[in-house]
Amino acid sequence: TPSAVARDVVEAEGDGYFVYCIVRE
């Protein structure tokens, strides 16, 4: 699931990737 992967990226990278994660979903 992309969401699960994105979560790991968020924890690793921070807020910038959090926004990217939302856009991807």
C-alpha atoms as a PDB file:
ATOM      1  CA  THR A   1       0.000   0.000   0.000  1.00  0.00           C
ATOM      2  CA  PRO A   2       1.458   3.395  -1.013  1.00  0.00           C
ATOM      3  CA  SER A   3       0.117   4.915   2.197  1.00  0.00           C
ATOM      4  CA  ALA A   4       2.214   2.616   4.357  1.00  0.00           C
ATOM      5  CA  VAL A   5       5.355   3.369   2.368  1.00  0.00           C
ATOM      6  CA  ALA A   6       4.622   7.078   2.449  1.00  0.00           C
ATOM      7  CA  ARG A   7       4.322   6.945   6.237  1.00  0.00           C
ATOM      8  CA  ASP A   8       7.838   5.555   6.512  1.00  0.00           C
ATOM      9  CA  VAL A   9       9.104   8.308   4.248  1.00  0.00           C
ATOM     10  CA  VAL A  10       7.349  10.914   6.380  1.00  0.00           C
ATOM     11  CA  GLU A  11       9.067   9.645   9.496  1.00  0.00           C
ATOM     12  CA  ALA A  12      12.407   9.566   7.715  1.00  0.00           C
ATOM     13  CA  GLU A  13      12.244  12.904   5.891  1.00  0.00           C
ATOM     14  CA  GLY A  14       9.751  15.156   7.666  1.00  0.00           C
ATOM     15  CA  ASP A  15       7.012  17.646   6.824  1.00  0.00           C
ATOM     16  CA  GLY A  16       8.036  18.212   3.205  1.00  0.00           C
ATOM     17  CA  TYR A  17       7.396  14.595   2.371  1.00  0.00           C
ATOM     18  CA  PHE A  18       4.218  14.618   4.416  1.00  0.00           C
ATOM     19  CA  VAL A  19       2.701  17.087   1.978  1.00  0.00           C
ATOM     20  CA  TYR A  20       3.964  15.005  -0.936  1.00  0.00           C
ATOM     21  CA  CYS A  21       2.333  11.973   0.644  1.00  0.00           C
ATOM     22  CA  ILE A  22      -1.054  13.679   0.793  1.00  0.00           C
ATOM     23  CA  VAL A  23      -0.806  14.765  -2.831  1.00  0.00           C
ATOM     24  CA  ARG A  24       0.040  11.234  -3.905  1.00  0.00           C
ATOM     25  CA  GLU A  25      -3.045   9.833  -2.190  1.00  0.00           C
END
